[in-house]
Amino acid sequence: MMKVGVSTYSFGKYVSELGMIGVLDKIKEFEGEAVDFIPFEKDDHAKALALAAEYKEHMDKIGLLPGCFCVGANFLADDLDAQVRDLCLQADIAKVLGTKMRFDVAYGFPANVKVKRSYDSFLESGAVDYIRQVVDYAESIGVETCTENHGIFSQDSERVEKLINIVDRENFGALVDIGNFACADEPSDKAVGRMAQYARHAHAKDFHYRPGYKDFPGEGWFTTRNENWLKGTVIGHGDVPVKQCLRILKKNGYDGILAIEFEGKEDPLFGVRVGIANLHRFLKEIYQ
């Protein structure tokens, strides 16, 4: 049965107010079972490793499972050797945390590139060989890797599926974020149906949706690739078919961690607490 987790990203201002140990305690208090991390120390690698060890020790003490370490990356950058070196350092942190590592691959071509701007052009650019270097290094230290439908350019299920198959490594799969597909105007049920077979990790996210032909709804809303309106909200409060997507993941044999990424305007503690409760309820109904 899937385990309900939370990304530290979800806590917003409370990360600084509570401290990371306090955030971990809140996840446990709210009956979360696992935790995802985003980078918590970017300038001092030795300090990052020490903090990772501290957080892992506390997770073990209070009974939280390690989920995923989610880091950015751009293989359309000028210096791909530097990108590989940085991601290998991030894999070292994931190793200490005891987690998988998710890394992005690209956010799109710069505006001055006028032709060959497609996702296929990216896959043919030579970037894939550099991605494999990261995946292979992570495997050598026992860290599983995945990429997420994230960042608009690499967000569509068809694109991410193609990437995974071209990289062609057992140690590289998908972090399936059931909400993120909406940012690329792709129905979540259809996209999760395509990607569930590649899932190594999963994120739960919910949005309110309004079609783009309607007027700007006001503060807190942002636009999708095709200028429709989205606003983050509590899991179960929005328009993403969360429970249906969970059924799809289950049907495809996924029984790993389902980590909340809360992006709503509601208070993060409220959003996380209610989101965890709703996910537990959905899963209980699905598995009964």
C-alpha atoms as a PDB file:
ATOM      1  CA  MET A   1       0.000   0.000   0.000  1.00  0.00           C
ATOM      2  CA  MET A   2       1.236   3.492  -0.839  1.00  0.00           C
ATOM      3  CA  LYS A   3       2.677   5.549   2.019  1.00  0.00           C
ATOM      4  CA  VAL A   4       1.684   9.195   2.505  1.00  0.00           C
ATOM      5  CA  GLY A   5       4.595  11.596   2.640  1.00  0.00           C
ATOM      6  CA  VAL A   6       5.202  15.339   2.481  1.00  0.00           C
ATOM      7  CA  SER A   7       7.842  17.448   0.778  1.00  0.00           C
ATOM      8  CA  THR A   8       9.541  19.982   3.005  1.00  0.00           C
ATOM      9  CA  TYR A   9       8.790  22.411   0.150  1.00  0.00           C
ATOM     10  CA  SER A  10       5.140  22.321   1.264  1.00  0.00           C
ATOM     11  CA  PHE A  11       5.839  24.126   4.535  1.00  0.00           C
ATOM     12  CA  GLY A  12       6.842  27.468   3.027  1.00  0.00           C
ATOM     13  CA  LYS A  13       7.585  30.020   5.744  1.00  0.00           C
ATOM     14  CA  TYR A  14       7.426  27.376   8.451  1.00  0.00           C
ATOM     15  CA  VAL A  15      10.734  25.854   7.361  1.00  0.00           C
ATOM     16  CA  SER A  16      12.523  28.901   8.768  1.00  0.00           C
ATOM     17  CA  GLU A  17      10.132  29.309  11.695  1.00  0.00           C
ATOM     18  CA  LEU A  18      10.195  25.688  12.863  1.00  0.00           C
ATOM     19  CA  GLY A  19      13.578  24.615  11.552  1.00  0.00           C
ATOM     20  CA  MET A  20      13.959  21.394   9.614  1.00  0.00           C
ATOM     21  CA  ILE A  21      13.750  19.200  12.705  1.00  0.00           C
ATOM     22  CA  GLY A  22      10.502  20.954  13.620  1.00  0.00           C
ATOM     23  CA  VAL A  23       9.153  20.345  10.119  1.00  0.00           C
ATOM     24  CA  LEU A  24       9.950  16.645  10.395  1.00  0.00           C
ATOM     25  CA  ASP A  25       8.162  16.531  13.744  1.00  0.00           C
ATOM     26  CA  LYS A  26       5.105  18.235  12.220  1.00  0.00           C
ATOM     27  CA  ILE A  27       4.949  15.658   9.420  1.00  0.00           C
ATOM     28  CA  LYS A  28       4.946  12.916  12.028  1.00  0.00           C
ATOM     29  CA  GLU A  29       2.375  14.761  14.178  1.00  0.00           C
ATOM     30  CA  PHE A  30       0.055  15.053  11.177  1.00  0.00           C
ATOM     31  CA  GLU A  31       0.399  11.280  10.545  1.00  0.00           C
ATOM     32  CA  GLY A  32       2.664  11.575   7.543  1.00  0.00           C
ATOM     33  CA  GLU A  33       4.815   8.516   6.916  1.00  0.00           C
ATOM     34  CA  ALA A  34       7.650   9.823   4.739  1.00  0.00           C
ATOM     35  CA  VAL A  35       9.479  12.988   3.758  1.00  0.00           C
ATOM     36  CA  ASP A  36      10.857  14.494   0.558  1.00  0.00           C
ATOM     37  CA  PHE A  37      13.562  17.142   0.715  1.00  0.00           C
ATOM     38  CA  ILE A  38      14.542  20.040  -1.486  1.00  0.00           C
ATOM     39  CA  PRO A  39      18.108  21.429  -1.199  1.00  0.00           C
ATOM     40  CA  PHE A  40      18.715  22.903   2.245  1.00  0.00           C
ATOM     41  CA  GLU A  41      22.343  24.048   1.910  1.00  0.00           C
ATOM     42  CA  LYS A  42      23.607  25.135  -1.501  1.00  0.00           C
ATOM     43  CA  ASP A  43      26.956  26.772  -0.770  1.00  0.00           C
ATOM     44  CA  ASP A  44      28.797  24.395   1.547  1.00  0.00           C
ATOM     45  CA  HIS A  45      28.782  20.753   0.505  1.00  0.00           C
ATOM     46  CA  ALA A  46      30.386  19.481   3.697  1.00  0.00           C
ATOM     47  CA  LYS A  47      27.743  21.294   5.735  1.00  0.00           C
ATOM     48  CA  ALA A  48      25.001  19.854   3.521  1.00  0.00           C
ATOM     49  CA  LEU A  49      26.275  16.337   4.155  1.00  0.00           C
ATOM     50  CA  ALA A  50      26.396  16.968   7.903  1.00  0.00           C
ATOM     51  CA  LEU A  51      22.860  18.330   7.919  1.00  0.00           C
ATOM     52  CA  ALA A  52      21.668  15.370   5.859  1.00  0.00           C
ATOM     53  CA  ALA A  53      23.110  12.998   8.445  1.00  0.00           C
ATOM     54  CA  GLU A  54      21.389  14.944  11.235  1.00  0.00           C
ATOM     55  CA  TYR A  55      18.041  14.854   9.442  1.00  0.00           C
ATOM     56  CA  LYS A  56      18.352  11.152   8.640  1.00  0.00           C
ATOM     57  CA  GLU A  57      19.095  10.375  12.284  1.00  0.00           C
ATOM     58  CA  HIS A  58      15.985  12.284  13.369  1.00  0.00           C
ATOM     59  CA  MET A  59      13.837  10.603  10.712  1.00  0.00           C
ATOM     60  CA  ASP A  60      14.937   7.216  11.997  1.00  0.00           C
ATOM     61  CA  LYS A  61      14.269   8.299  15.585  1.00  0.00           C
ATOM     62  CA  ILE A  62      10.663   9.419  14.976  1.00  0.00           C
ATOM     63  CA  GLY A  63       9.822   6.837  12.305  1.00  0.00           C
ATOM     64  CA  LEU A  64       9.685   8.740   9.012  1.00  0.00           C
ATOM     65  CA  LEU A  65      10.624   6.985   5.786  1.00  0.00           C
ATOM     66  CA  PRO A  66      13.065   8.639   3.347  1.00  0.00           C
ATOM     67  CA  GLY A  67      11.319   9.685   0.174  1.00  0.00           C
ATOM     68  CA  CYS A  68      13.156  11.677  -2.485  1.00  0.00           C
ATOM     69  CA  PHE A  69      15.716  14.482  -2.717  1.00  0.00           C
ATOM     70  CA  CYS A  70      14.414  16.839  -5.421  1.00  0.00           C
ATOM     71  CA  VAL A  71      16.993  19.029  -7.152  1.00  0.00           C
ATOM     72  CA  GLY A  72      17.028  21.252 -10.203  1.00  0.00           C
ATOM     73  CA  ALA A  73      19.152  20.773 -13.305  1.00  0.00           C
ATOM     74  CA  ASN A  74      19.381  22.115 -16.832  1.00  0.00           C
ATOM     75  CA  PHE A  75      21.085  20.093 -19.536  1.00  0.00           C
ATOM     76  CA  LEU A  76      20.617  22.950 -21.958  1.00  0.00           C
ATOM     77  CA  ALA A  77      23.161  24.919 -19.929  1.00  0.00           C
ATOM     78  CA  ASP A  78      26.500  25.996 -21.408  1.00  0.00           C
ATOM     79  CA  ASP A  79      28.716  23.871 -19.147  1.00  0.00           C
ATOM     80  CA  LEU A  80      27.312  20.349 -19.000  1.00  0.00           C
ATOM     81  CA  ASP A  81      30.409  18.951 -17.293  1.00  0.00           C
ATOM     82  CA  ALA A  82      29.748  21.354 -14.412  1.00  0.00           C
ATOM     83  CA  GLN A  83      26.106  20.295 -14.374  1.00  0.00           C
ATOM     84  CA  VAL A  84      27.148  16.662 -14.036  1.00  0.00           C
ATOM     85  CA  ARG A  85      29.612  17.456 -11.246  1.00  0.00           C
ATOM     86  CA  ASP A  86      26.970  19.362  -9.296  1.00  0.00           C
ATOM     87  CA  LEU A  87      24.386  16.599  -9.631  1.00  0.00           C
ATOM     88  CA  CYS A  88      26.872  13.978  -8.499  1.00  0.00           C
ATOM     89  CA  LEU A  89      27.423  16.069  -5.357  1.00  0.00           C
ATOM     90  CA  GLN A  90      23.657  16.187  -4.889  1.00  0.00           C
ATOM     91  CA  ALA A  91      23.542  12.396  -5.246  1.00  0.00           C
ATOM     92  CA  ASP A  92      26.019  12.191  -2.348  1.00  0.00           C
ATOM     93  CA  ILE A  93      23.530  14.132  -0.206  1.00  0.00           C
ATOM     94  CA  ALA A  94      20.688  11.847  -1.283  1.00  0.00           C
ATOM     95  CA  LYS A  95      22.849   8.899  -0.248  1.00  0.00           C
ATOM     96  CA  VAL A  96      23.239  10.263   3.277  1.00  0.00           C
ATOM     97  CA  LEU A  97      19.512  11.038   3.495  1.00  0.00           C
ATOM     98  CA  GLY A  98      18.766   7.490   2.354  1.00  0.00           C
ATOM     99  CA  THR A  99      16.530   8.782  -0.444  1.00  0.00           C
ATOM    100  CA  LYS A 100      16.094   8.592  -4.175  1.00  0.00           C
ATOM    101  CA  MET A 101      17.157  11.646  -6.189  1.00  0.00           C
ATOM    102  CA  ARG A 102      14.926  13.477  -8.633  1.00  0.00           C
ATOM    103  CA  PHE A 103      16.613  15.876 -11.009  1.00  0.00           C
ATOM    104  CA  ASP A 104      15.167  18.091 -13.707  1.00  0.00           C
ATOM    105  CA  VAL A 105      16.618  17.916 -17.195  1.00  0.00           C
ATOM    106  CA  ALA A 106      15.761  21.178 -18.996  1.00  0.00           C
ATOM    107  CA  TYR A 107      13.533  24.242 -18.881  1.00  0.00           C
ATOM    108  CA  GLY A 108      13.494  25.062 -22.590  1.00  0.00           C
ATOM    109  CA  PHE A 109      15.716  26.728 -25.153  1.00  0.00           C
ATOM    110  CA  PRO A 110      16.758  30.361 -24.718  1.00  0.00           C
ATOM    111  CA  ALA A 111      14.838  32.939 -26.729  1.00  0.00           C
ATOM    112  CA  ASN A 112      17.731  33.545 -29.125  1.00  0.00           C
ATOM    113  CA  VAL A 113      17.436  29.971 -30.463  1.00  0.00           C
ATOM    114  CA  LYS A 114      15.016  30.332 -33.368  1.00  0.00           C
ATOM    115  CA  VAL A 115      15.016  26.837 -34.882  1.00  0.00           C
ATOM    116  CA  LYS A 116      15.286  23.313 -33.503  1.00  0.00           C
ATOM    117  CA  ARG A 117      13.512  24.286 -30.298  1.00  0.00           C
ATOM    118  CA  SER A 118      11.555  21.042 -29.927  1.00  0.00           C
ATOM    119  CA  TYR A 119      11.889  18.439 -27.189  1.00  0.00           C
ATOM    120  CA  ASP A 120      13.274  16.039 -29.791  1.00  0.00           C
ATOM    121  CA  SER A 121      15.947  18.627 -30.589  1.00  0.00           C
ATOM    122  CA  PHE A 122      16.889  18.620 -26.907  1.00  0.00           C
ATOM    123  CA  LEU A 123      17.100  14.810 -26.872  1.00  0.00           C
ATOM    124  CA  GLU A 124      19.312  14.920 -29.973  1.00  0.00           C
ATOM    125  CA  SER A 125      21.584  17.652 -28.577  1.00  0.00           C
ATOM    126  CA  GLY A 126      23.994  15.308 -26.805  1.00  0.00           C
ATOM    127  CA  ALA A 127      22.479  16.025 -23.390  1.00  0.00           C
ATOM    128  CA  VAL A 128      21.374  12.423 -22.928  1.00  0.00           C
ATOM    129  CA  ASP A 129      24.978  11.215 -22.588  1.00  0.00           C
ATOM    130  CA  TYR A 130      25.494  13.688 -19.727  1.00  0.00           C
ATOM    131  CA  ILE A 131      22.264  12.587 -18.056  1.00  0.00           C
ATOM    132  CA  ARG A 132      23.518   8.992 -18.218  1.00  0.00           C
ATOM    133  CA  GLN A 133      26.724  10.026 -16.442  1.00  0.00           C
ATOM    134  CA  VAL A 134      24.674  11.285 -13.486  1.00  0.00           C
ATOM    135  CA  VAL A 135      22.444   8.204 -13.453  1.00  0.00           C
ATOM    136  CA  ASP A 136      25.428   5.864 -13.593  1.00  0.00           C
ATOM    137  CA  TYR A 137      27.274   7.666 -10.809  1.00  0.00           C
ATOM    138  CA  ALA A 138      24.173   7.588  -8.609  1.00  0.00           C
ATOM    139  CA  GLU A 139      23.803   3.880  -9.250  1.00  0.00           C
ATOM    140  CA  SER A 140      27.445   3.333  -8.255  1.00  0.00           C
ATOM    141  CA  ILE A 141      26.692   4.741  -4.783  1.00  0.00           C
ATOM    142  CA  GLY A 142      23.300   3.061  -4.431  1.00  0.00           C
ATOM    143  CA  VAL A 143      21.026   6.033  -5.182  1.00  0.00           C
ATOM    144  CA  GLU A 144      18.026   5.499  -7.433  1.00  0.00           C
ATOM    145  CA  THR A 145      17.245   8.381  -9.806  1.00  0.00           C
ATOM    146  CA  CYS A 146      14.163   9.731 -11.500  1.00  0.00           C
ATOM    147  CA  THR A 147      12.930  12.788 -13.346  1.00  0.00           C
ATOM    148  CA  GLU A 148       9.658  14.610 -12.827  1.00  0.00           C
ATOM    149  CA  ASN A 149       7.058  16.045 -15.170  1.00  0.00           C
ATOM    150  CA  HIS A 150       8.164  19.529 -14.207  1.00  0.00           C
ATOM    151  CA  GLY A 151       9.261  22.866 -15.596  1.00  0.00           C
ATOM    152  CA  ILE A 152       6.810  23.168 -18.542  1.00  0.00           C
ATOM    153  CA  PHE A 153       9.350  22.087 -21.201  1.00  0.00           C
ATOM    154  CA  SER A 154       9.760  18.578 -19.770  1.00  0.00           C
ATOM    155  CA  GLN A 155       6.255  18.286 -18.357  1.00  0.00           C
ATOM    156  CA  ASP A 156       4.152  16.366 -20.885  1.00  0.00           C
ATOM    157  CA  SER A 157       3.840  12.628 -20.271  1.00  0.00           C
ATOM    158  CA  GLU A 158       4.818  11.779 -23.851  1.00  0.00           C
ATOM    159  CA  ARG A 159       8.023  13.808 -23.555  1.00  0.00           C
ATOM    160  CA  VAL A 160       9.033  12.337 -20.192  1.00  0.00           C
ATOM    161  CA  GLU A 161       8.294   8.809 -21.387  1.00  0.00           C
ATOM    162  CA  LYS A 162      10.486   9.367 -24.442  1.00  0.00           C
ATOM    163  CA  LEU A 163      13.301  10.740 -22.269  1.00  0.00           C
ATOM    164  CA  ILE A 164      13.237   7.741 -19.916  1.00  0.00           C
ATOM    165  CA  ASN A 165      13.357   5.275 -22.782  1.00  0.00           C
ATOM    166  CA  ILE A 166      16.163   7.098 -24.587  1.00  0.00           C
ATOM    167  CA  VAL A 167      18.286   7.343 -21.433  1.00  0.00           C
ATOM    168  CA  ASP A 168      17.688   3.589 -21.149  1.00  0.00           C
ATOM    169  CA  ARG A 169      19.016   2.944 -17.670  1.00  0.00           C
ATOM    170  CA  GLU A 170      17.468   0.666 -15.061  1.00  0.00           C
ATOM    171  CA  ASN A 171      18.393   3.287 -12.471  1.00  0.00           C
ATOM    172  CA  PHE A 172      16.317   6.054 -14.110  1.00  0.00           C
ATOM    173  CA  GLY A 173      12.551   6.290 -13.981  1.00  0.00           C
ATOM    174  CA  ALA A 174       9.744   8.754 -13.350  1.00  0.00           C
ATOM    175  CA  LEU A 175       8.626  10.842 -10.447  1.00  0.00           C
ATOM    176  CA  VAL A 176       4.939  11.067 -11.368  1.00  0.00           C
ATOM    177  CA  ASP A 177       3.433  14.325 -10.100  1.00  0.00           C
ATOM    178  CA  ILE A 178      -0.301  13.884 -10.598  1.00  0.00           C
ATOM    179  CA  GLY A 179      -0.968  17.634 -10.541  1.00  0.00           C
ATOM    180  CA  ASN A 180       1.892  19.009 -12.610  1.00  0.00           C
ATOM    181  CA  PHE A 181       0.494  17.748 -15.895  1.00  0.00           C
ATOM    182  CA  ALA A 182      -2.164  20.452 -15.644  1.00  0.00           C
ATOM    183  CA  CYS A 183       0.540  23.099 -16.112  1.00  0.00           C
ATOM    184  CA  ALA A 184       1.079  21.710 -19.617  1.00  0.00           C
ATOM    185  CA  ASP A 185      -2.695  21.427 -20.197  1.00  0.00           C
ATOM    186  CA  GLU A 186      -2.622  17.638 -20.138  1.00  0.00           C
ATOM    187  CA  PRO A 187      -5.423  15.740 -18.336  1.00  0.00           C
ATOM    188  CA  SER A 188      -3.962  14.104 -15.236  1.00  0.00           C
ATOM    189  CA  ASP A 189      -5.818  10.804 -15.654  1.00  0.00           C
ATOM    190  CA  LYS A 190      -4.529  10.335 -19.199  1.00  0.00           C
ATOM    191  CA  ALA A 191      -0.983  11.372 -18.273  1.00  0.00           C
ATOM    192  CA  VAL A 192      -0.759   9.221 -15.147  1.00  0.00           C
ATOM    193  CA  GLY A 193      -2.110   6.309 -17.191  1.00  0.00           C
ATOM    194  CA  ARG A 194       0.878   6.696 -19.500  1.00  0.00           C
ATOM    195  CA  MET A 195       3.503   7.308 -16.818  1.00  0.00           C
ATOM    196  CA  ALA A 196       2.460   4.953 -14.015  1.00  0.00           C
ATOM    197  CA  GLN A 197       4.448   2.073 -15.508  1.00  0.00           C
ATOM    198  CA  TYR A 198       7.651   4.108 -15.073  1.00  0.00           C
ATOM    199  CA  ALA A 199       6.901   5.385 -11.548  1.00  0.00           C
ATOM    200  CA  ARG A 200       9.705   5.242  -8.999  1.00  0.00           C
ATOM    201  CA  HIS A 201       8.162   7.947  -6.807  1.00  0.00           C
ATOM    202  CA  ALA A 202       5.008  10.066  -6.848  1.00  0.00           C
ATOM    203  CA  HIS A 203       3.817  13.516  -5.796  1.00  0.00           C
ATOM    204  CA  ALA A 204       0.281  14.508  -4.876  1.00  0.00           C
ATOM    205  CA  LYS A 205      -0.763  18.026  -5.840  1.00  0.00           C
ATOM    206  CA  ASP A 206      -4.091  19.734  -6.442  1.00  0.00           C
ATOM    207  CA  PHE A 207      -5.175  22.838  -8.336  1.00  0.00           C
ATOM    208  CA  HIS A 208      -8.274  24.874  -8.917  1.00  0.00           C
ATOM    209  CA  TYR A 209      -8.788  25.258 -12.678  1.00  0.00           C
ATOM    210  CA  ARG A 210     -10.494  27.917 -14.777  1.00  0.00           C
ATOM    211  CA  PRO A 211     -10.518  27.996 -18.597  1.00  0.00           C
ATOM    212  CA  GLY A 212      -8.453  30.724 -20.191  1.00  0.00           C
ATOM    213  CA  TYR A 213     -11.357  32.345 -22.007  1.00  0.00           C
ATOM    214  CA  LYS A 214     -12.606  33.559 -18.626  1.00  0.00           C
ATOM    215  CA  ASP A 215     -11.237  36.742 -17.061  1.00  0.00           C
ATOM    216  CA  PHE A 216      -8.245  36.702 -14.718  1.00  0.00           C
ATOM    217  CA  PRO A 217      -9.668  35.321 -11.435  1.00  0.00           C
ATOM    218  CA  GLY A 218      -7.433  37.492  -9.257  1.00  0.00           C
ATOM    219  CA  GLU A 219      -4.449  37.212  -6.965  1.00  0.00           C
ATOM    220  CA  GLY A 220      -3.016  33.727  -6.500  1.00  0.00           C
ATOM    221  CA  TRP A 221      -3.769  32.372  -9.973  1.00  0.00           C
ATOM    222  CA  PHE A 222      -1.177  31.651 -12.676  1.00  0.00           C
ATOM    223  CA  THR A 223      -1.343  30.512 -16.273  1.00  0.00           C
ATOM    224  CA  THR A 224      -0.643  27.189 -17.925  1.00  0.00           C
ATOM    225  CA  ARG A 225       1.305  26.789 -21.152  1.00  0.00           C
ATOM    226  CA  ASN A 226      -1.895  27.492 -23.095  1.00  0.00           C
ATOM    227  CA  GLU A 227      -3.066  30.396 -20.901  1.00  0.00           C
ATOM    228  CA  ASN A 228      -5.606  28.574 -18.786  1.00  0.00           C
ATOM    229  CA  TRP A 229      -5.786  29.508 -15.088  1.00  0.00           C
ATOM    230  CA  LEU A 230      -4.524  27.435 -12.143  1.00  0.00           C
ATOM    231  CA  LYS A 231      -4.320  28.029  -8.408  1.00  0.00           C
ATOM    232  CA  GLY A 232      -2.735  25.605  -5.968  1.00  0.00           C
ATOM    233  CA  THR A 233      -4.887  24.231  -3.183  1.00  0.00           C
ATOM    234  CA  VAL A 234      -5.274  21.507  -0.555  1.00  0.00           C
ATOM    235  CA  ILE A 235      -5.294  17.907  -1.779  1.00  0.00           C
ATOM    236  CA  GLY A 236      -8.940  17.029  -2.399  1.00  0.00           C
ATOM    237  CA  HIS A 237     -10.157  20.635  -2.619  1.00  0.00           C
ATOM    238  CA  GLY A 238      -9.382  21.254  -6.274  1.00  0.00           C
ATOM    239  CA  ASP A 239     -10.106  19.937  -9.747  1.00  0.00           C
ATOM    240  CA  VAL A 240      -7.289  17.391 -10.182  1.00  0.00           C
ATOM    241  CA  PRO A 241      -8.791  13.857 -10.129  1.00  0.00           C
ATOM    242  CA  VAL A 242      -6.541  12.801  -7.276  1.00  0.00           C
ATOM    243  CA  LYS A 243      -8.365   9.647  -6.227  1.00  0.00           C
ATOM    244  CA  GLN A 244      -8.675   8.439  -9.830  1.00  0.00           C
ATOM    245  CA  CYS A 245      -4.944   8.965 -10.343  1.00  0.00           C
ATOM    246  CA  LEU A 246      -4.235   6.927  -7.212  1.00  0.00           C
ATOM    247  CA  ARG A 247      -6.344   4.111  -8.621  1.00  0.00           C
ATOM    248  CA  ILE A 248      -4.300   4.248 -11.827  1.00  0.00           C
ATOM    249  CA  LEU A 249      -1.017   4.082  -9.909  1.00  0.00           C
ATOM    250  CA  LYS A 250      -2.305   1.133  -7.874  1.00  0.00           C
ATOM    251  CA  LYS A 251      -3.525  -0.643 -11.018  1.00  0.00           C
ATOM    252  CA  ASN A 252      -0.011  -0.388 -12.441  1.00  0.00           C
ATOM    253  CA  GLY A 253       1.570  -1.874  -9.329  1.00  0.00           C
ATOM    254  CA  TYR A 254       2.935   1.283  -7.711  1.00  0.00           C
ATOM    255  CA  ASP A 255       3.064   0.887  -3.937  1.00  0.00           C
ATOM    256  CA  GLY A 256       5.716   3.445  -3.016  1.00  0.00           C
ATOM    257  CA  ILE A 257       5.566   6.885  -1.420  1.00  0.00           C
ATOM    258  CA  LEU A 258       3.023   9.515  -2.379  1.00  0.00           C
ATOM    259  CA  ALA A 259       4.453  12.835  -1.200  1.00  0.00           C
ATOM    260  CA  ILE A 260       2.380  16.000  -0.946  1.00  0.00           C
ATOM    261  CA  GLU A 261       3.670  19.146  -2.617  1.00  0.00           C
ATOM    262  CA  PHE A 262       1.347  21.830  -1.300  1.00  0.00           C
ATOM    263  CA  GLU A 263       1.295  25.052  -3.340  1.00  0.00           C
ATOM    264  CA  GLY A 264      -1.933  26.633  -2.113  1.00  0.00           C
ATOM    265  CA  LYS A 265      -2.554  30.074  -0.627  1.00  0.00           C
ATOM    266  CA  GLU A 266      -4.019  28.477   2.487  1.00  0.00           C
ATOM    267  CA  ASP A 267      -1.835  28.292   5.582  1.00  0.00           C
ATOM    268  CA  PRO A 268       0.740  25.550   4.902  1.00  0.00           C
ATOM    269  CA  LEU A 269       0.126  23.765   8.211  1.00  0.00           C
ATOM    270  CA  PHE A 270      -3.580  23.568   7.390  1.00  0.00           C
ATOM    271  CA  GLY A 271      -2.858  22.512   3.800  1.00  0.00           C
ATOM    272  CA  VAL A 272      -0.444  19.773   4.823  1.00  0.00           C
ATOM    273  CA  ARG A 273      -2.580  18.446   7.680  1.00  0.00           C
ATOM    274  CA  VAL A 274      -5.793  18.233   5.663  1.00  0.00           C
ATOM    275  CA  GLY A 275      -3.958  16.925   2.609  1.00  0.00           C
ATOM    276  CA  ILE A 276      -2.447  14.069   4.604  1.00  0.00           C
ATOM    277  CA  ALA A 277      -5.848  13.201   6.078  1.00  0.00           C
ATOM    278  CA  ASN A 278      -7.506  13.223   2.653  1.00  0.00           C
ATOM    279  CA  LEU A 279      -4.817  11.042   1.094  1.00  0.00           C
ATOM    280  CA  HIS A 280      -5.113   8.512   3.920  1.00  0.00           C
ATOM    281  CA  ARG A 281      -8.882   8.438   3.357  1.00  0.00           C
ATOM    282  CA  PHE A 282      -8.558   8.047  -0.413  1.00  0.00           C
ATOM    283  CA  LEU A 283      -6.051   5.223  -0.046  1.00  0.00           C
ATOM    284  CA  LYS A 284      -8.161   3.421   2.543  1.00  0.00           C
ATOM    285  CA  GLU A 285     -11.126   3.526   0.161  1.00  0.00           C
ATOM    286  CA  ILE A 286      -9.034   2.357  -2.793  1.00  0.00           C
ATOM    287  CA  TYR A 287      -7.421  -0.555  -0.985  1.00  0.00           C
ATOM    288  CA  GLN A 288     -10.464  -1.814   0.938  1.00  0.00           C
END
